[in-house]
Protein backbone atom coordinates (compact mmCIF):
# COMPACT_ATOMS: atom_id res chain seq x y z
CA ALA A 1 44.87 -70.58 28.98
CA ASP A 2 44.29 -73.05 26.10
CA GLU A 3 43.89 -76.02 28.45
CA ARG A 4 41.09 -77.83 26.58
CA SER A 5 41.53 -80.45 23.89
CA PHE A 6 40.22 -79.94 20.37
CA ALA A 7 37.50 -82.53 21.06
CA SER A 8 36.38 -80.73 24.25
CA VAL A 9 36.17 -77.39 22.46
CA THR A 10 34.28 -78.90 19.53
CA ILE A 11 31.77 -80.63 21.80
CA GLY A 12 31.38 -77.47 23.90
CA ALA A 13 30.75 -75.31 20.81
CA ALA A 14 28.18 -77.81 19.51
CA ARG A 15 26.39 -77.73 22.85
CA LEU A 16 26.37 -73.92 22.85
CA GLN A 17 24.90 -73.91 19.35
CA ALA A 18 22.19 -76.36 20.45
CA MET A 19 21.40 -74.16 23.46
CA LEU A 20 21.10 -71.10 21.23
CA ARG A 21 18.57 -72.88 19.04
CA THR A 22 16.57 -73.90 22.11
CA LEU A 23 16.66 -70.44 23.71
CA GLY A 24 15.78 -68.55 20.55
CA PRO A 25 12.42 -69.66 19.15
CA ASP A 26 13.13 -67.97 15.82
CA TRP A 27 16.71 -69.18 15.65
CA SER A 28 16.52 -71.39 12.60
CA GLY A 29 13.97 -69.48 10.58
CA ASP A 30 13.11 -66.00 9.55
CA HIS A 31 9.68 -65.88 11.14
CA ALA A 32 10.70 -63.10 13.53
CA ALA A 33 11.19 -60.53 10.79
CA PRO A 34 8.17 -58.45 9.84
CA THR A 35 7.14 -58.22 6.20
CA GLY A 36 9.36 -55.73 4.41
CA ALA A 37 12.17 -55.97 6.98
CA ALA A 38 15.70 -55.20 5.86
CA ALA A 39 17.49 -58.35 4.77
CA ILE A 40 21.07 -59.27 5.67
CA LEU A 41 23.14 -61.96 4.02
CA LEU A 42 25.47 -63.38 6.70
CA VAL A 43 28.31 -65.40 5.17
CA VAL A 44 30.73 -67.83 6.78
CA PRO A 45 33.17 -68.60 3.97
CA GLN A 46 33.98 -72.01 2.59
CA GLU A 47 36.44 -74.06 4.66
CA VAL A 48 35.88 -71.95 7.78
CA TYR A 49 34.80 -74.09 10.70
CA HIS A 50 34.35 -71.47 13.43
CA THR A 51 30.63 -70.77 13.14
CA LEU A 52 29.49 -70.04 16.70
CA GLY A 53 30.07 -66.27 16.41
CA ALA A 54 28.10 -66.07 13.17
CA LEU A 55 25.24 -68.05 14.70
CA VAL A 56 25.14 -65.70 17.69
CA LEU A 57 25.22 -62.67 15.37
CA GLY A 58 22.39 -64.10 13.26
CA GLY A 59 20.25 -64.48 16.38
CA GLN A 60 21.04 -60.93 17.50
CA LEU A 61 20.11 -59.51 14.11
CA ARG A 62 16.84 -61.45 14.01
CA ARG A 63 15.91 -60.18 17.47
CA LYS A 64 16.39 -56.66 16.11
CA GLY A 65 13.72 -57.41 13.52
CA LEU A 66 15.97 -58.08 10.53
CA SER A 67 15.58 -60.87 8.03
CA VAL A 68 18.81 -62.91 8.01
CA LYS A 69 19.96 -65.47 5.49
CA LEU A 70 22.87 -67.43 6.94
CA MET A 71 25.23 -69.14 4.50
CA LEU A 72 27.68 -71.51 6.20
CA GLY A 73 30.61 -72.79 4.15
CA ALA A 74 29.59 -70.65 1.20
CA SER A 75 31.65 -70.57 -1.98
CA THR A 76 32.08 -67.35 -3.95
CA LYS A 77 29.74 -68.72 -6.64
CA GLU A 78 27.04 -69.47 -4.05
CA VAL A 79 27.36 -65.99 -2.54
CA ALA A 80 27.15 -64.38 -5.98
CA ALA A 81 24.06 -66.42 -6.87
CA SER A 82 22.39 -65.50 -3.58
CA VAL A 83 22.89 -61.75 -4.01
CA GLN A 84 21.59 -61.99 -7.57
CA ARG A 85 18.41 -63.81 -6.46
CA THR A 86 17.55 -61.76 -3.37
CA THR A 87 17.69 -58.06 -2.56
CA PHE A 88 19.88 -57.66 0.53
CA SER A 89 20.37 -54.43 2.47
CA ALA A 90 23.87 -55.58 3.47
CA VAL A 91 26.27 -58.50 3.31
CA PHE A 92 28.10 -59.38 6.52
CA ILE A 93 31.09 -61.72 6.31
CA SER A 94 32.08 -63.50 9.50
CA SER A 95 35.80 -64.14 9.40
CA SER A 96 38.14 -65.97 11.75
CA ARG A 97 41.71 -65.09 12.57
CA GLY A 98 43.12 -67.91 10.46
CA GLU A 99 41.50 -66.71 7.28
CA THR A 100 43.43 -64.96 4.55
CA LEU A 101 42.52 -61.50 3.34
CA GLU A 102 42.71 -62.85 -0.21
CA SER A 103 39.94 -65.37 0.47
CA LEU A 104 37.81 -62.53 1.85
CA ARG A 105 38.62 -60.36 -1.16
CA LEU A 106 37.23 -63.07 -3.45
CA ILE A 107 33.90 -63.09 -1.59
CA VAL A 108 33.69 -59.28 -1.52
CA ASP A 109 34.49 -59.22 -5.23
CA ALA A 110 31.74 -61.79 -5.90
CA VAL A 111 29.21 -59.51 -4.19
CA LYS A 112 30.44 -56.32 -5.82
CA THR A 113 30.53 -57.73 -9.36
CA SER A 114 27.18 -59.55 -9.18
CA LEU A 115 25.03 -56.42 -9.19
CA LEU A 116 25.11 -52.95 -10.69
CA THR A 117 24.40 -51.49 -7.25
CA PRO A 118 25.70 -53.96 -4.68
CA PRO A 119 24.79 -53.71 -1.00
CA PRO A 120 27.45 -52.62 1.48
CA VAL A 121 29.81 -55.39 2.54
CA VAL A 122 31.03 -55.53 6.15
CA VAL A 123 33.72 -57.90 7.43
CA GLY A 124 33.71 -58.86 11.09
CA GLY A 125 34.92 -61.55 13.42
CA SER A 126 38.15 -62.53 15.08
CA ILE A 127 40.23 -61.57 12.04
CA LEU A 128 40.08 -58.05 13.46
CA GLU A 129 42.10 -59.26 16.44
CA VAL A 130 45.08 -59.88 14.15
CA GLU A 131 44.47 -57.39 11.29
CA THR A 132 43.68 -53.68 11.38
CA VAL A 133 40.39 -52.34 10.08
CA GLN A 134 42.35 -50.38 7.49
CA ASN A 135 44.13 -53.50 6.19
CA VAL A 136 40.92 -55.51 6.05
CA THR A 137 39.02 -52.87 4.10
CA ALA A 138 41.92 -51.89 1.83
CA LEU A 139 42.98 -55.44 0.96
CA THR A 140 39.54 -57.04 0.65
CA GLY A 141 37.53 -54.22 -0.89
CA ALA A 142 34.97 -54.42 1.93
CA ASP A 143 33.13 -51.21 2.67
CA HIS A 144 33.62 -51.51 6.42
CA ALA A 145 35.08 -53.80 9.09
CA THR A 146 34.03 -54.05 12.72
CA GLN A 147 33.34 -56.49 15.52
CA LEU A 148 30.37 -54.43 16.73
CA PRO A 149 27.00 -55.41 15.21
CA ASP A 150 25.37 -52.03 15.92
CA GLU A 151 28.28 -50.23 14.25
CA ALA A 152 27.88 -52.43 11.18
CA LEU A 153 24.13 -51.74 11.08
CA ASP A 154 24.69 -47.99 11.48
CA PHE A 155 27.27 -48.02 8.69
CA CYS A 156 24.73 -49.71 6.42
CA GLY A 157 22.01 -47.24 7.40
CA LEU A 158 19.97 -49.94 9.13
CA HIS A 159 18.68 -48.27 12.26
CA VAL A 160 16.56 -50.99 13.81
CA THR A 161 15.37 -51.96 17.26
CA SER A 162 13.86 -55.11 18.59
CA PRO A 163 10.19 -55.36 17.54
CA ASP A 164 9.32 -56.93 20.88
CA LYS A 165 11.93 -56.51 23.61
CA THR A 166 9.91 -58.45 26.18
CA ARG A 167 9.63 -61.54 24.01
CA HIS A 168 13.26 -62.53 24.59
CA LYS A 169 13.46 -62.22 28.37
CA PHE A 170 14.42 -65.36 30.24
CA LYS A 171 12.54 -66.68 33.24
CA ALA A 172 14.50 -67.89 36.26
């Protein structure tokens, strides 16, 4: 209904992010991933301020046993340098509805031109509420686009399950 002020939404999102860090013991680090786990680079592009979805996704991926490097506010140069330094199994780009497909294309291009054999690039997020999957992939060069984490993992050939499903249960 869009009844909240910008300040209320910002404070609420910050509180949710703080709660996620408290609830997930491995939220801020990569200590949950076993040695040799598949690594995902999760990118929130430069000048994008909607990060809650990416933070939630990062936690979900870690609980599945993946190593996740989260880059918030990343420039194309920073993304390119990161994929050159580290071997990633996939690059996920979290995109909001206000983002342009051209800005996403620049990030995808940075990944694809940084390596001879780049990892698959998947675009997700609320941009898919205003753009079709076909437009996103065709106009950005991404290999796939989805809002479903398991679909993205399947597309990238990363069939993983939580290493310890009981570890993340909440007590009443």
